[in-house]
Amino acid sequence: MHKKNWPLWEVFIRSKSGLSHKHVGSLHAADAQMAVENARDVYTRRNEGISIWVVESAHITASNPDESESLFDPANDKVYRHPTFYNLPDELKHI
């Protein structure tokens, strides 16, 4: 496969155990294994991560920002899902 035809891969890194993977960038690679190795070399040069995910960009489906109101509108009808009915102690700062 010629380098011009290599697919684009999206790279996600988990910096510490218990944290979510975060999108850090994109790169071209011939296959998934090469994408992981290249992502390691490019995005974790200073031990920034403990886990790498790569996803071929062609396999990602995203919502349209222009349609966000209709997409997320049904959730607004479910007020019971929002923690507004509870009194939380002041010690809880991350909720």
Protein backbone atom coordinates (compact mmCIF):
# COMPACT_ATOMS: atom_id res chain seq x y z
CA MET A 1 0.00 0.00 0.00
CA HIS A 2 1.42 3.34 -1.03
CA LYS A 3 1.86 5.87 1.79
CA LYS A 4 -0.55 8.30 0.05
CA ASN A 5 -3.31 5.71 0.50
CA TRP A 6 -2.73 5.05 4.20
CA PRO A 7 -5.92 5.68 6.18
CA LEU A 8 -6.24 8.39 8.81
CA TRP A 9 -6.40 7.18 12.44
CA GLU A 10 -7.69 9.07 15.47
CA VAL A 11 -5.56 8.63 18.60
CA PHE A 12 -6.86 8.49 22.17
CA ILE A 13 -4.56 8.36 25.22
CA ARG A 14 -5.37 7.46 28.83
CA SER A 15 -2.97 9.36 31.04
CA LYS A 16 -3.63 7.48 34.32
CA SER A 17 -5.59 4.48 35.55
CA GLY A 18 -9.20 5.35 36.24
CA LEU A 19 -9.29 8.29 33.82
CA SER A 20 -11.00 8.39 30.44
CA HIS A 21 -9.14 8.21 27.16
CA LYS A 22 -8.79 11.66 25.56
CA HIS A 23 -8.46 12.46 21.89
CA VAL A 24 -4.94 13.78 21.29
CA GLY A 25 -4.65 13.89 17.52
CA SER A 26 -4.57 12.04 14.23
CA LEU A 27 -2.02 10.23 12.11
CA HIS A 28 -1.73 8.15 8.95
CA ALA A 29 -0.70 4.50 9.18
CA ALA A 30 -0.97 1.38 7.03
CA ASP A 31 -2.74 -0.68 9.72
CA ALA A 32 -3.86 -0.64 13.36
CA GLN A 33 -0.59 -2.00 14.75
CA MET A 34 1.43 0.64 12.93
CA ALA A 35 -1.03 3.30 14.15
CA VAL A 36 -0.51 2.21 17.79
CA GLU A 37 3.27 2.22 17.40
CA ASN A 38 3.29 5.62 15.66
CA ALA A 39 0.89 7.05 18.27
CA ARG A 40 3.22 5.84 21.02
CA ASP A 41 6.18 7.53 19.33
CA VAL A 42 4.35 10.79 18.57
CA TYR A 43 1.98 11.29 21.52
CA THR A 44 3.67 9.62 24.51
CA ARG A 45 7.30 10.68 24.22
CA ARG A 46 7.43 11.78 27.86
CA ASN A 47 5.46 8.91 29.43
CA GLU A 48 2.18 10.83 29.15
CA GLY A 49 0.04 7.71 28.89
CA ILE A 50 -0.64 4.20 30.06
CA SER A 51 -3.06 3.16 27.29
CA ILE A 52 -3.50 4.02 23.61
CA TRP A 53 -6.58 3.58 21.45
CA VAL A 54 -6.53 4.11 17.70
CA VAL A 55 -9.66 4.22 15.56
CA GLU A 56 -9.70 4.50 11.81
CA SER A 57 -11.38 7.83 11.09
CA ALA A 58 -13.60 6.27 8.42
CA HIS A 59 -15.31 4.22 11.16
CA ILE A 60 -16.32 7.19 13.32
CA THR A 61 -19.84 8.53 13.00
CA ALA A 62 -20.60 11.87 14.60
CA SER A 63 -23.73 13.87 15.19
CA ASN A 64 -24.29 17.10 13.29
CA PRO A 65 -23.87 20.15 15.59
CA ASP A 66 -26.65 21.90 13.64
CA GLU A 67 -29.06 19.17 14.76
CA SER A 68 -28.06 19.13 18.43
CA GLU A 69 -31.30 20.71 19.65
CA SER A 70 -33.50 17.97 18.19
CA LEU A 71 -31.01 15.23 19.08
CA PHE A 72 -30.73 16.17 22.76
CA ASP A 73 -34.23 17.61 23.25
CA PRO A 74 -35.82 14.36 24.55
CA ALA A 75 -33.42 14.38 27.52
CA ASN A 76 -34.83 17.72 28.69
CA ASP A 77 -38.19 16.04 29.35
CA LYS A 78 -36.62 13.71 31.92
CA VAL A 79 -35.94 16.04 34.83
CA TYR A 80 -35.63 13.06 37.16
CA ARG A 81 -32.26 12.34 35.55
CA HIS A 82 -30.82 15.61 36.81
CA PRO A 83 -29.58 15.62 40.42
CA THR A 84 -31.42 18.82 41.28
CA PHE A 85 -33.70 17.19 43.87
CA TYR A 86 -30.92 16.28 46.29
CA ASN A 87 -29.16 18.31 48.94
CA LEU A 88 -25.46 17.52 48.74
CA PRO A 89 -22.91 18.20 51.46
CA ASP A 90 -20.50 21.06 50.78
CA GLU A 91 -17.59 18.61 50.95
CA LEU A 92 -18.62 17.14 47.57
CA LYS A 93 -16.93 19.40 45.08
CA HIS A 94 -16.82 17.30 41.91
CA ILE A 95 -20.51 16.50 41.47
